[in-house]
Amino acid sequence: MGFFTRCVSTFLLIGVFAGCQTSSPLTHGTSSEEAASYQGPAYQQLTDKISDGESVQIADLRSAFLAQDDLPAHMERLEELETQALQLIDDEPLKLGSIGSAILDTYQASLTGHYVMSRFYAHVNSPEAAEPHLLWVRNIRTDIEAHGDGSRDRPYPAVTAIEAQIYAISGQMMPVGSIYQTGEIYPFSLLLQVKPADLPIRGMNFDLSSVYDATRMDFAGSTDAPEFSPFSLIGYLAKRGDSAAQAAIGAFLATQDRTDDAIDWLRSASQRGNLIANSVLARIYWDKASATSDPQQRSDALDEVLENYLHAVALGSTDAMYALGVLYLNGHFGEENKTSGIALLQQAASGEHSEAAMFLAHINYVGELVPRNPAIAREYYVRAALLGNAFAKRSYARFLLDRDTGQAPDPRAIVWLEELAEQQDDAEAMLLLGNLHARGVGLTASPRRAIGWYKKAVKTAPQDAGIVNEVAWTLTVSNLTGLPRQRYALSIMDTLMDANEEARMRPEYLDTWAAANAANGDFARAIILQEQALEVAAALEFEEVIDILQEHLDAFRNGQTITETAP
């Protein structure tokens, strides 16, 4: 059993991941399958070809390297050298030459090895010697991108975690946070948060099945070793000071309500500049602040929330800007700091954080925390919608339909809603398209098309009480010529209210049901239902709706239907 395996075995016996270390090994990921199915020349044969000036495919070289019988020893050596190289890149470039050569002797297609060699030759002013390594860097990056896109479903392949970081660095992106993840398809992967120059932080996923498999291979040679799992590997790496592993353990322990243990691990990760750890710590301390009634404990916890979010903000996290901004605006750090919340939200929104843009749109729309300004609200709705926020697209349509905003139509709202309706079967988008067609907002008014969208919305979400109620109300009371469909409205309300006990306890739904009955001539039934609506509203102390419900009841008693401007 090698040193690496002995250390993992020892960690298993320590049991930080109590209850997890007996998990069965999970399914191999893409790079594992690549190596297992590799039928080409041996790794040494390929490196000999390179020495002879022949070209070799990067993917073949990687697969051959991972297919070696003594892979654990090679991986241990590679990881040790690459870790040293990463530590020396910025401060001691003259030492990179020897380390880079040693890395490439171990693994010829190491992105880390070629990158540090290019940095070394650039430092000693030898561009001609650097150029072959720069070519390798470009080719390896191209190969990585050919095998994945960095998403959770299609992670980039990386032989080591350091190679994942060098992929980011060689692409002019600064790693600012990381956490290991496990799953059935990819047993061991890395989420790396990176900060491109002048752009928002983004996440990239890397498949590290090679690291997992090399360690598991080493374990297979020992009959007395505990059962191996991704959790035990993460635990070993955490003990070695790997901040991604420490963040993973901390996040896991937090879900198990072992907050004190979680905080210890997360603090260690945050001290290495891991903003994921700062973000998790901030949430833990916010939960502590919310749960205590002791003023001093709450104050201490809020101080920790502030400190950790500010660390993440300093690293460029728009998520932290948004979270802290909302806390400021809600007065958790004093009334005098509320304006700081607006500035943080604006900074996050300028960094393409759609939720921050939505928050700013809302407060400018309703005049909450800031003076009401529909023009500014419109700008933020559009910004959030352009970032792909489906809620923003729907909210923007409702904003444009609000007669009090005085805003001109926007044809993009139609396009966005149609995309949601067609691609995601979004019933609310269908309802809003009905409203836009009914009113002629951004297009020519068409009651026929409006009704088509309304019916499609109900067919898509027949159990969604909010959707059914809004369609039924509009088609019952609208003053728009050609739009009302009273019999259809009553039919869908009967179906909803007969099947949905919770809906029958909502005064606004009872009101619609009563209005639909009245519109179809059954005033006796309408009166009974409206009386129920008033009783429910009184029981729930919905004082703000009692007067309008009473007006409707009086109308029904006088044999009158309800007509109003709708939608």
Protein backbone atom coordinates (compact mmCIF):
# COMPACT_ATOMS: atom_id res chain seq x y z
CA MET A 1 0.00 0.00 0.00
CA GLY A 2 1.43 3.41 -1.06
CA PHE A 3 1.78 6.53 1.04
CA PHE A 4 -1.31 8.07 -0.52
CA THR A 5 -3.42 5.02 0.28
CA ARG A 6 -2.06 4.75 3.83
CA CYS A 7 -3.05 8.33 4.52
CA VAL A 8 -6.57 7.88 3.14
CA SER A 9 -6.94 4.67 5.13
CA THR A 10 -5.90 6.47 8.28
CA PHE A 11 -8.40 9.20 7.55
CA LEU A 12 -11.17 6.65 7.11
CA LEU A 13 -10.46 5.35 10.58
CA ILE A 14 -10.65 8.89 11.99
CA GLY A 15 -14.22 9.10 10.65
CA VAL A 16 -14.84 12.77 9.98
CA PHE A 17 -17.46 11.66 7.47
CA ALA A 18 -19.16 9.43 10.01
CA GLY A 19 -21.63 7.13 8.33
CA CYS A 20 -20.41 7.95 4.82
CA GLN A 21 -17.17 6.06 4.46
CA THR A 22 -18.90 2.75 3.74
CA SER A 23 -20.61 4.05 0.60
CA SER A 24 -20.16 1.85 -2.44
CA PRO A 25 -17.89 3.08 -5.23
CA LEU A 26 -19.87 5.06 -7.77
CA THR A 27 -20.08 4.89 -11.56
CA HIS A 28 -17.07 5.95 -13.58
CA GLY A 29 -17.04 9.29 -15.34
CA THR A 30 -16.09 10.12 -18.90
CA SER A 31 -12.32 10.21 -18.46
CA SER A 32 -12.43 6.87 -16.64
CA GLU A 33 -14.35 5.27 -19.48
CA GLU A 34 -11.92 6.82 -21.96
CA ALA A 35 -8.96 5.20 -20.23
CA ALA A 36 -10.70 1.87 -19.68
CA SER A 37 -11.67 1.58 -23.35
CA TYR A 38 -8.33 2.77 -24.67
CA GLN A 39 -6.82 0.21 -27.07
CA GLY A 40 -4.00 2.26 -28.59
CA PRO A 41 -0.22 2.26 -28.05
CA ALA A 42 1.18 2.28 -24.54
CA TYR A 43 2.04 5.59 -22.97
CA GLN A 44 5.80 5.05 -23.41
CA GLN A 45 5.31 4.33 -27.11
CA LEU A 46 3.46 7.60 -27.55
CA THR A 47 6.11 9.63 -25.74
CA ASP A 48 8.75 7.96 -27.91
CA LYS A 49 6.84 9.13 -30.97
CA ILE A 50 6.82 12.67 -29.61
CA SER A 51 10.60 12.46 -29.07
CA ASP A 52 10.96 11.36 -32.70
CA GLY A 53 9.04 14.42 -33.86
CA GLU A 54 5.80 12.59 -34.66
CA SER A 55 2.42 14.07 -33.79
CA VAL A 56 0.23 12.43 -31.15
CA GLN A 57 -3.38 13.17 -30.21
CA ILE A 58 -3.77 14.77 -26.77
CA ALA A 59 -6.74 12.53 -25.99
CA ASP A 60 -4.70 9.41 -26.79
CA LEU A 61 -1.83 10.58 -24.63
CA ARG A 62 -4.17 11.26 -21.71
CA SER A 63 -5.95 7.92 -22.09
CA ALA A 64 -2.68 6.01 -22.34
CA PHE A 65 -1.34 7.76 -19.24
CA LEU A 66 -4.48 6.90 -17.26
CA ALA A 67 -4.42 3.30 -18.53
CA GLN A 68 -1.01 2.53 -17.00
CA ASP A 69 -0.89 -0.32 -14.49
CA ASP A 70 1.17 1.76 -12.05
CA LEU A 71 -1.09 4.83 -12.39
CA PRO A 72 -1.35 5.51 -8.61
CA ALA A 73 2.41 6.08 -8.33
CA HIS A 74 2.47 8.34 -11.40
CA MET A 75 -0.55 10.32 -10.16
CA GLU A 76 0.97 10.80 -6.72
CA ARG A 77 4.19 12.12 -8.28
CA LEU A 78 2.28 14.33 -10.74
CA GLU A 79 0.08 15.89 -8.09
CA GLU A 80 3.07 16.59 -5.83
CA LEU A 81 4.98 18.35 -8.61
CA GLU A 82 2.00 20.30 -9.93
CA THR A 83 1.17 21.53 -6.44
CA GLN A 84 4.72 22.85 -6.07
CA ALA A 85 4.52 24.52 -9.48
CA LEU A 86 1.27 26.30 -8.64
CA GLN A 87 2.81 27.69 -5.46
CA LEU A 88 5.83 29.08 -7.38
CA ILE A 89 4.18 30.54 -10.50
CA ASP A 90 3.97 34.13 -9.32
CA ASP A 91 6.79 34.46 -6.81
CA GLU A 92 9.66 32.23 -7.96
CA PRO A 93 9.44 31.77 -11.76
CA LEU A 94 13.13 30.77 -12.00
CA LYS A 95 12.35 27.52 -10.19
CA LEU A 96 9.66 26.62 -12.69
CA GLY A 97 12.09 25.24 -15.25
CA SER A 98 13.21 22.24 -13.24
CA ILE A 99 9.75 21.55 -11.82
CA GLY A 100 8.12 21.90 -15.23
CA SER A 101 10.59 19.44 -16.75
CA ALA A 102 9.91 16.96 -13.96
CA ILE A 103 6.15 17.30 -14.52
CA LEU A 104 6.51 16.63 -18.24
CA ASP A 105 8.76 13.65 -17.54
CA THR A 106 5.89 12.26 -15.49
CA TYR A 107 3.08 13.20 -17.87
CA GLN A 108 3.91 14.67 -21.27
CA ALA A 109 0.44 16.19 -21.83
CA SER A 110 0.26 18.03 -18.50
CA LEU A 111 -1.26 21.45 -19.06
CA THR A 112 0.41 22.54 -15.85
CA GLY A 113 3.84 21.40 -17.02
CA HIS A 114 3.69 23.19 -20.36
CA TYR A 115 2.18 26.33 -18.87
CA VAL A 116 4.86 26.70 -16.21
CA MET A 117 7.58 25.99 -18.79
CA SER A 118 6.21 28.78 -20.98
CA ARG A 119 6.24 31.08 -17.94
CA PHE A 120 9.80 30.08 -17.13
CA TYR A 121 11.10 30.77 -20.64
CA ALA A 122 9.19 34.05 -20.79
CA HIS A 123 10.85 35.07 -17.53
CA VAL A 124 14.33 34.33 -18.85
CA ASN A 125 13.47 36.18 -22.08
CA SER A 126 13.56 33.15 -24.36
CA PRO A 127 10.40 33.38 -26.49
CA GLU A 128 11.62 30.79 -29.00
CA ALA A 129 11.96 28.17 -26.27
CA ALA A 130 8.56 29.16 -24.85
CA GLU A 131 6.69 28.82 -28.16
CA PRO A 132 6.51 24.96 -28.30
CA HIS A 133 5.09 24.92 -24.80
CA LEU A 134 2.57 27.62 -25.67
CA LEU A 135 1.49 25.47 -28.61
CA TRP A 136 1.00 22.52 -26.24
CA VAL A 137 -1.05 24.75 -23.93
CA ARG A 138 -3.33 25.78 -26.80
CA ASN A 139 -3.72 22.20 -28.02
CA ILE A 140 -4.44 20.80 -24.54
CA ARG A 141 -7.03 23.51 -23.88
CA THR A 142 -8.66 22.75 -27.24
CA ASP A 143 -8.80 19.05 -26.37
CA ILE A 144 -10.30 19.76 -22.93
CA GLU A 145 -12.98 21.93 -24.53
CA ALA A 146 -13.70 19.25 -27.14
CA HIS A 147 -14.57 16.78 -24.38
CA GLY A 148 -16.79 19.02 -22.22
CA ASP A 149 -18.28 22.47 -21.80
CA GLY A 150 -17.70 23.04 -18.09
CA SER A 151 -21.32 22.40 -17.09
CA ARG A 152 -22.32 19.92 -14.38
CA ASP A 153 -23.64 17.57 -17.06
CA ARG A 154 -20.59 17.90 -19.33
CA PRO A 155 -17.61 18.82 -17.14
CA TYR A 156 -14.19 19.46 -18.59
CA PRO A 157 -11.84 16.49 -18.18
CA ALA A 158 -8.86 17.21 -15.93
CA VAL A 159 -6.19 14.75 -14.87
CA THR A 160 -5.63 16.62 -11.59
CA ALA A 161 -7.28 19.41 -9.62
CA ILE A 162 -4.22 21.59 -10.28
CA GLU A 163 -4.71 21.11 -14.02
CA ALA A 164 -8.26 22.44 -13.58
CA GLN A 165 -6.88 25.58 -11.93
CA ILE A 166 -4.22 25.98 -14.60
CA TYR A 167 -6.90 25.70 -17.28
CA ALA A 168 -8.51 28.77 -15.72
CA ILE A 169 -5.23 30.63 -15.19
CA SER A 170 -4.02 29.97 -18.73
CA GLY A 171 -7.32 31.42 -19.94
CA GLN A 172 -6.74 34.67 -18.03
CA MET A 173 -9.17 33.71 -15.27
CA MET A 174 -8.38 33.85 -11.57
CA PRO A 175 -9.63 30.95 -9.42
CA VAL A 176 -11.49 32.41 -6.42
CA GLY A 177 -13.43 29.46 -5.02
CA SER A 178 -13.71 25.70 -5.28
CA ILE A 179 -15.55 22.72 -3.85
CA TYR A 180 -15.46 19.00 -4.61
CA GLN A 181 -18.68 17.24 -5.56
CA THR A 182 -19.80 13.64 -5.90
CA GLY A 183 -22.44 11.99 -8.05
CA GLU A 184 -23.43 8.81 -9.80
CA ILE A 185 -22.11 9.78 -13.24
CA TYR A 186 -19.03 11.64 -12.03
CA PRO A 187 -17.91 10.19 -8.69
CA PHE A 188 -15.40 12.94 -8.05
CA SER A 189 -15.59 16.37 -9.64
CA LEU A 190 -14.57 19.94 -8.92
CA LEU A 191 -16.67 23.09 -9.12
CA LEU A 192 -14.22 25.92 -9.70
CA GLN A 193 -15.33 29.53 -9.45
CA VAL A 194 -13.21 31.85 -11.56
CA LYS A 195 -13.01 35.60 -12.16
CA PRO A 196 -12.23 36.62 -15.73
CA ALA A 197 -10.79 40.09 -16.13
CA ASP A 198 -13.57 42.73 -16.07
CA LEU A 199 -16.29 40.05 -16.11
CA PRO A 200 -18.48 38.44 -13.44
CA ILE A 201 -17.43 35.32 -11.58
CA ARG A 202 -18.45 32.13 -13.35
CA GLY A 203 -18.46 28.49 -12.40
CA MET A 204 -16.69 25.68 -14.27
CA ASN A 205 -17.02 21.97 -13.54
CA PHE A 206 -14.17 19.48 -13.98
CA ASP A 207 -14.33 15.69 -14.02
CA LEU A 208 -11.61 14.34 -11.71
CA SER A 209 -12.45 10.67 -12.10
CA SER A 210 -8.78 10.00 -12.81
CA VAL A 211 -7.83 11.08 -9.28
CA TYR A 212 -10.60 8.97 -7.80
CA ASP A 213 -9.75 5.91 -9.88
CA ALA A 214 -6.01 6.11 -9.16
CA THR A 215 -6.69 6.11 -5.44
CA ARG A 216 -9.24 3.34 -5.70
CA MET A 217 -6.76 1.25 -7.70
CA ASP A 218 -4.24 1.63 -4.89
CA PHE A 219 -6.85 0.56 -2.35
CA ALA A 220 -7.73 -2.50 -4.39
CA GLY A 221 -4.26 -3.88 -3.70
CA SER A 222 -4.86 -3.98 0.04
CA THR A 223 -7.13 -6.54 1.69
CA ASP A 224 -7.23 -4.80 5.08
CA ALA A 225 -8.09 -1.30 3.87
CA PRO A 226 -11.55 0.11 4.70
CA GLU A 227 -13.98 0.37 1.80
CA PHE A 228 -13.09 3.29 -0.42
CA SER A 229 -15.51 6.04 -1.47
CA PRO A 230 -15.38 9.61 -2.82
CA PHE A 231 -16.06 10.86 0.70
CA SER A 232 -12.91 9.26 2.05
CA LEU A 233 -10.88 10.85 -0.74
CA ILE A 234 -12.35 14.26 0.06
CA GLY A 235 -11.56 13.71 3.72
CA TYR A 236 -7.93 12.87 2.98
CA LEU A 237 -7.52 15.93 0.76
CA ALA A 238 -9.07 18.14 3.44
CA LYS A 239 -6.53 16.89 5.97
CA ARG A 240 -3.79 17.88 3.53
CA GLY A 241 -5.12 21.45 3.43
CA ASP A 242 -7.04 21.27 0.15
CA SER A 243 -9.56 24.13 0.45
CA ALA A 244 -12.01 22.58 -2.03
CA ALA A 245 -12.16 19.48 0.17
CA GLN A 246 -12.46 21.55 3.34
CA ALA A 247 -15.33 23.50 1.78
CA ALA A 248 -17.01 20.23 0.79
CA ILE A 249 -16.74 18.83 4.31
CA GLY A 250 -17.95 22.09 5.84
CA ALA A 251 -20.93 22.30 3.51
CA PHE A 252 -21.82 18.65 4.21
CA LEU A 253 -21.59 19.05 7.99
CA ALA A 254 -23.75 22.17 7.79
CA THR A 255 -26.53 20.10 6.21
CA GLN A 256 -26.23 17.68 9.15
CA ASP A 257 -26.68 20.54 11.67
CA ARG A 258 -23.11 20.04 12.91
CA THR A 259 -22.48 23.73 12.60
CA ASP A 260 -19.52 24.04 14.96
CA ASP A 261 -17.60 21.35 13.08
CA ALA A 262 -18.69 22.88 9.77
CA ILE A 263 -17.43 26.30 10.81
CA ASP A 264 -13.99 24.92 11.67
CA TRP A 265 -13.56 23.34 8.22
CA LEU A 266 -15.00 26.33 6.39
CA ARG A 267 -12.76 28.77 8.23
CA SER A 268 -9.74 26.77 7.11
CA ALA A 269 -10.95 26.93 3.52
CA SER A 270 -11.77 30.65 3.71
CA GLN A 271 -8.26 31.43 4.96
CA ARG A 272 -7.03 30.12 1.61
CA GLY A 273 -9.20 32.58 -0.29
CA ASN A 274 -12.07 30.21 -1.07
CA LEU A 275 -15.14 32.41 -1.49
CA ILE A 276 -17.46 29.37 -1.53
CA ALA A 277 -16.44 28.79 2.08
CA ASN A 278 -17.13 32.44 2.92
CA SER A 279 -20.58 32.23 1.36
CA VAL A 280 -21.49 29.06 3.29
CA LEU A 281 -20.15 30.57 6.52
CA ALA A 282 -22.26 33.67 5.98
CA ARG A 283 -25.40 31.56 5.59
CA ILE A 284 -24.57 29.52 8.70
CA TYR A 285 -24.11 32.64 10.79
CA TRP A 286 -27.27 34.17 9.36
CA ASP A 287 -29.18 31.10 10.54
CA LYS A 288 -27.57 31.54 13.97
CA ALA A 289 -28.55 35.22 14.06
CA SER A 290 -32.13 34.40 13.07
CA ALA A 291 -32.48 31.61 15.63
CA THR A 292 -31.31 33.43 18.76
CA SER A 293 -33.21 35.86 20.96
CA ASP A 294 -30.05 36.94 22.77
CA PRO A 295 -29.07 40.44 21.51
CA GLN A 296 -25.33 39.88 21.98
CA GLN A 297 -25.35 36.50 20.24
CA ARG A 298 -27.34 37.96 17.38
CA SER A 299 -24.93 40.89 17.09
CA ASP A 300 -21.91 38.57 17.10
CA ALA A 301 -23.47 36.32 14.45
CA LEU A 302 -24.34 39.32 12.25
CA ASP A 303 -20.75 40.51 12.51
CA GLU A 304 -19.66 37.13 11.14
CA VAL A 305 -22.25 37.36 8.36
CA LEU A 306 -20.94 40.77 7.39
CA GLU A 307 -17.29 39.76 7.54
CA ASN A 308 -17.75 36.66 5.37
CA TYR A 309 -19.91 38.37 2.79
CA LEU A 310 -17.44 41.25 2.57
CA HIS A 311 -14.64 38.73 1.94
CA ALA A 312 -16.66 37.23 -0.90
CA VAL A 313 -17.56 40.67 -2.24
CA ALA A 314 -13.88 41.61 -2.27
CA LEU A 315 -13.23 38.54 -4.42
CA GLY A 316 -15.91 39.70 -6.85
CA SER A 317 -18.87 37.52 -5.86
CA THR A 318 -22.09 39.03 -7.20
CA ASP A 319 -24.04 36.45 -5.17
CA ALA A 320 -22.49 37.89 -2.01
CA MET A 321 -23.22 41.44 -3.20
CA TYR A 322 -26.86 40.51 -3.72
CA ALA A 323 -27.25 38.65 -0.41
CA LEU A 324 -25.56 41.37 1.63
CA GLY A 325 -27.42 44.10 -0.23
CA VAL A 326 -30.77 42.54 0.65
CA LEU A 327 -29.74 42.25 4.31
CA TYR A 328 -28.75 45.92 4.33
CA LEU A 329 -32.05 46.97 2.76
CA ASN A 330 -34.03 44.92 5.28
CA GLY A 331 -32.37 46.89 8.07
CA HIS A 332 -30.39 44.05 9.63
CA PHE A 333 -27.30 46.24 9.87
CA GLY A 334 -29.08 49.43 10.90
CA GLU A 335 -31.21 52.02 9.16
CA GLU A 336 -28.14 54.13 8.44
CA ASN A 337 -26.71 51.39 6.19
CA LYS A 338 -29.73 50.85 3.95
CA THR A 339 -28.27 52.99 1.18
CA SER A 340 -25.28 50.65 1.09
CA GLY A 341 -27.70 47.92 0.09
CA ILE A 342 -28.79 49.80 -3.03
CA ALA A 343 -25.16 50.31 -4.06
CA LEU A 344 -24.39 46.60 -3.61
CA LEU A 345 -27.43 45.57 -5.64
CA GLN A 346 -26.45 47.98 -8.40
CA GLN A 347 -22.92 46.55 -8.40
CA ALA A 348 -24.29 43.00 -8.56
CA ALA A 349 -26.72 43.88 -11.35
CA SER A 350 -23.91 45.48 -13.37
CA GLY A 351 -22.09 42.17 -12.90
CA GLU A 352 -24.94 40.28 -14.61
CA HIS A 353 -26.69 39.09 -11.46
CA SER A 354 -30.28 38.74 -12.63
CA GLU A 355 -31.86 38.47 -9.15
CA ALA A 356 -30.23 41.76 -8.14
CA ALA A 357 -31.58 43.38 -11.30
CA MET A 358 -35.03 41.98 -10.48
CA PHE A 359 -34.89 43.34 -6.93
CA LEU A 360 -33.98 46.79 -8.23
CA ALA A 361 -36.73 46.58 -10.83
CA HIS A 362 -39.30 45.75 -8.17
CA ILE A 363 -38.38 48.46 -5.67
CA ASN A 364 -38.32 51.11 -8.41
CA TYR A 365 -41.66 49.84 -9.75
CA VAL A 366 -43.52 49.99 -6.43
CA GLY A 367 -41.55 52.84 -4.87
CA GLU A 368 -40.33 50.75 -1.98
CA LEU A 369 -37.05 51.87 -0.34
CA VAL A 370 -36.50 54.26 -3.28
CA PRO A 371 -38.73 56.83 -5.00
CA ARG A 372 -41.03 55.20 -7.56
CA ASN A 373 -39.44 55.34 -11.01
CA PRO A 374 -41.04 53.14 -13.71
CA ALA A 375 -38.39 54.10 -16.28
CA ILE A 376 -35.57 52.77 -14.11
CA ALA A 377 -37.67 49.73 -13.20
CA ARG A 378 -38.07 49.01 -16.91
CA GLU A 379 -34.31 49.12 -17.47
CA TYR A 380 -33.71 46.56 -14.72
CA TYR A 381 -36.52 44.27 -15.87
CA VAL A 382 -34.99 44.23 -19.34
CA ARG A 383 -31.50 43.61 -17.95
CA ALA A 384 -32.72 40.64 -15.91
CA ALA A 385 -34.73 39.27 -18.84
CA LEU A 386 -31.73 39.51 -21.17
CA LEU A 387 -29.81 37.43 -18.63
CA GLY A 388 -32.33 34.64 -19.13
CA ASN A 389 -34.34 35.12 -15.95
CA ALA A 390 -37.76 33.58 -16.68
CA PHE A 391 -39.39 35.30 -13.71
CA ALA A 392 -38.11 38.63 -15.01
CA LYS A 393 -39.64 37.98 -18.43
CA ARG A 394 -43.05 37.31 -16.89
CA SER A 395 -42.76 40.22 -14.46
CA TYR A 396 -41.79 42.59 -17.27
CA ALA A 397 -44.95 41.66 -19.17
CA ARG A 398 -47.09 42.40 -16.10
CA PHE A 399 -45.22 45.67 -15.68
CA LEU A 400 -46.02 46.67 -19.28
CA LEU A 401 -49.67 45.68 -18.78
CA ASP A 402 -49.96 47.97 -15.75
CA ARG A 403 -51.77 51.05 -17.02
CA ASP A 404 -50.32 53.18 -14.22
CA THR A 405 -46.72 52.83 -15.40
CA GLY A 406 -47.26 54.80 -18.61
CA GLN A 407 -44.69 52.67 -20.40
CA ALA A 408 -44.59 52.05 -24.13
CA PRO A 409 -44.95 48.45 -25.37
CA ASP A 410 -41.88 46.34 -26.01
CA PRO A 411 -42.07 43.65 -28.75
CA ARG A 412 -39.30 41.71 -26.98
CA ALA A 413 -41.76 40.87 -24.20
CA ILE A 414 -43.89 38.95 -26.71
CA VAL A 415 -40.87 37.03 -28.00
CA TRP A 416 -39.68 36.15 -24.49
CA LEU A 417 -43.10 34.90 -23.41
CA GLU A 418 -43.53 32.84 -26.58
CA GLU A 419 -40.17 31.21 -25.92
CA LEU A 420 -41.21 30.33 -22.37
CA ALA A 421 -44.56 29.00 -23.55
CA GLU A 422 -43.12 26.89 -26.36
CA GLN A 423 -39.90 25.68 -24.77
CA GLN A 424 -40.96 25.28 -21.13
CA ASP A 425 -44.75 24.86 -21.27
CA ASP A 426 -44.95 27.92 -19.02
CA ALA A 427 -48.65 28.41 -18.23
CA GLU A 428 -48.18 31.90 -16.76
CA ALA A 429 -46.39 33.00 -19.93
CA MET A 430 -49.39 31.72 -21.92
CA LEU A 431 -51.78 33.65 -19.70
CA LEU A 432 -49.75 36.83 -20.11
CA LEU A 433 -49.67 36.36 -23.89
CA GLY A 434 -53.46 36.20 -23.68
CA ASN A 435 -53.49 39.49 -21.79
CA LEU A 436 -51.17 41.17 -24.30
CA HIS A 437 -53.25 39.97 -27.26
CA ALA A 438 -56.48 41.00 -25.52
CA ARG A 439 -55.19 44.51 -24.84
CA GLY A 440 -53.12 44.91 -27.98
CA VAL A 441 -49.96 45.75 -26.03
CA GLY A 442 -47.04 45.53 -28.47
CA LEU A 443 -49.20 43.98 -31.21
CA THR A 444 -52.64 44.23 -32.80
CA ALA A 445 -55.44 43.35 -30.38
CA SER A 446 -57.03 39.97 -31.11
CA PRO A 447 -59.67 38.50 -28.76
CA ARG A 448 -59.49 35.23 -30.70
CA ARG A 449 -55.75 34.82 -30.12
CA ALA A 450 -56.11 35.96 -26.52
CA ILE A 451 -58.72 33.28 -25.83
CA GLY A 452 -56.51 30.70 -27.53
CA TRP A 453 -53.65 31.50 -25.17
CA TYR A 454 -55.96 31.55 -22.13
CA LYS A 455 -57.30 28.10 -22.94
CA LYS A 456 -53.81 26.77 -23.57
CA ALA A 457 -52.70 28.09 -20.16
CA VAL A 458 -55.56 26.31 -18.41
CA LYS A 459 -54.97 23.10 -20.36
CA THR A 460 -51.27 23.22 -19.43
CA ALA A 461 -51.89 23.83 -15.71
CA PRO A 462 -55.48 22.79 -14.88
CA GLN A 463 -54.66 22.39 -11.18
CA ASP A 464 -52.94 25.76 -10.85
CA ALA A 465 -55.60 27.70 -8.99
CA GLY A 466 -53.95 31.06 -9.65
CA ILE A 467 -53.84 30.53 -13.41
CA VAL A 468 -57.41 29.18 -13.63
CA ASN A 469 -58.78 31.95 -11.42
CA GLU A 470 -57.13 34.74 -13.40
CA VAL A 471 -58.34 33.36 -16.73
CA ALA A 472 -61.86 32.80 -15.41
CA TRP A 473 -62.08 36.29 -13.91
CA THR A 474 -60.92 37.95 -17.12
CA LEU A 475 -63.28 35.94 -19.33
CA THR A 476 -66.15 36.65 -16.93
CA VAL A 477 -65.90 40.38 -16.23
CA SER A 478 -63.83 41.93 -19.06
CA ASN A 479 -65.27 45.02 -20.73
CA LEU A 480 -63.33 44.30 -23.93
CA THR A 481 -65.60 43.54 -26.87
CA GLY A 482 -65.45 39.92 -28.01
CA LEU A 483 -63.36 38.70 -25.07
CA PRO A 484 -65.78 37.36 -22.41
CA ARG A 485 -66.50 33.63 -22.48
CA GLN A 486 -68.78 33.19 -19.48
CA ARG A 487 -69.70 29.54 -19.99
CA TYR A 488 -66.06 28.50 -20.36
CA ALA A 489 -65.14 30.57 -17.30
CA LEU A 490 -67.79 28.86 -15.20
CA SER A 491 -66.76 25.43 -16.47
CA ILE A 492 -63.12 25.80 -15.44
CA MET A 493 -64.05 27.32 -12.07
CA ASP A 494 -66.49 24.48 -11.35
CA THR A 495 -63.77 21.95 -12.14
CA LEU A 496 -61.21 23.75 -9.97
CA MET A 497 -63.41 24.44 -6.96
CA ASP A 498 -65.02 20.99 -6.91
CA ALA A 499 -61.56 19.36 -6.77
CA ASN A 500 -59.55 21.84 -4.70
CA GLU A 501 -60.53 22.24 -1.05
CA GLU A 502 -57.81 24.80 -0.44
CA ALA A 503 -59.13 26.97 -3.28
CA ARG A 504 -62.58 26.90 -1.70
CA MET A 505 -61.05 28.60 1.34
CA ARG A 506 -59.73 31.55 -0.67
CA PRO A 507 -62.13 34.54 -0.84
CA GLU A 508 -60.78 35.75 -4.20
CA TYR A 509 -61.48 32.37 -5.81
CA LEU A 510 -64.98 32.22 -4.32
CA ASP A 511 -65.55 35.74 -5.64
CA THR A 512 -64.62 34.64 -9.18
CA TRP A 513 -66.77 31.52 -8.90
CA ALA A 514 -69.73 33.64 -7.77
CA ALA A 515 -69.20 36.17 -10.58
CA ALA A 516 -69.07 33.36 -13.17
CA ASN A 517 -72.35 31.93 -11.88
CA ALA A 518 -73.97 35.35 -12.01
CA ALA A 519 -72.68 35.93 -15.56
CA ASN A 520 -74.40 32.67 -16.54
CA GLY A 521 -77.68 33.73 -14.94
CA ASP A 522 -77.54 31.72 -11.69
CA PHE A 523 -77.78 34.56 -9.19
CA ALA A 524 -79.03 32.33 -6.38
CA ARG A 525 -75.83 30.27 -6.54
CA ALA A 526 -73.75 33.45 -6.93
CA ILE A 527 -75.25 34.90 -3.73
CA ILE A 528 -74.50 31.73 -1.74
CA LEU A 529 -70.90 31.62 -2.95
CA GLN A 530 -70.36 35.36 -2.35
CA GLU A 531 -71.65 35.04 1.20
CA GLN A 532 -69.12 32.27 1.71
CA ALA A 533 -66.40 34.54 0.31
CA LEU A 534 -67.29 37.22 2.86
CA GLU A 535 -67.29 34.71 5.72
CA VAL A 536 -63.86 33.38 4.74
CA ALA A 537 -62.43 36.89 4.34
CA ALA A 538 -63.73 37.89 7.78
CA ALA A 539 -62.32 34.73 9.37
CA LEU A 540 -58.93 35.38 7.78
CA GLU A 541 -59.16 39.09 8.71
CA PHE A 542 -58.73 40.18 5.10
CA GLU A 543 -60.17 43.59 5.86
CA GLU A 544 -58.89 45.14 2.65
CA VAL A 545 -61.14 42.99 0.44
CA ILE A 546 -64.35 42.92 2.47
CA ASP A 547 -65.78 46.12 0.97
CA ILE A 548 -65.33 44.97 -2.63
CA LEU A 549 -66.75 41.54 -1.81
CA GLN A 550 -69.77 43.22 -0.26
CA GLU A 551 -70.24 45.38 -3.36
CA HIS A 552 -70.29 42.27 -5.51
CA LEU A 553 -72.80 40.58 -3.18
CA ASP A 554 -75.09 43.61 -3.38
CA ALA A 555 -74.84 43.50 -7.19
CA PHE A 556 -75.82 39.82 -7.29
CA ARG A 557 -78.78 40.45 -4.97
CA ASN A 558 -79.92 43.14 -7.42
CA GLY A 559 -79.60 40.78 -10.38
CA GLN A 560 -76.49 42.51 -11.73
CA THR A 561 -73.28 41.01 -13.11
CA ILE A 562 -69.76 42.31 -12.63
CA THR A 563 -68.01 44.17 -15.44
CA GLU A 564 -64.66 45.91 -15.15
CA THR A 565 -61.49 46.80 -17.03
CA ALA A 566 -59.68 43.51 -17.48
CA PRO A 567 -57.10 42.36 -18.14
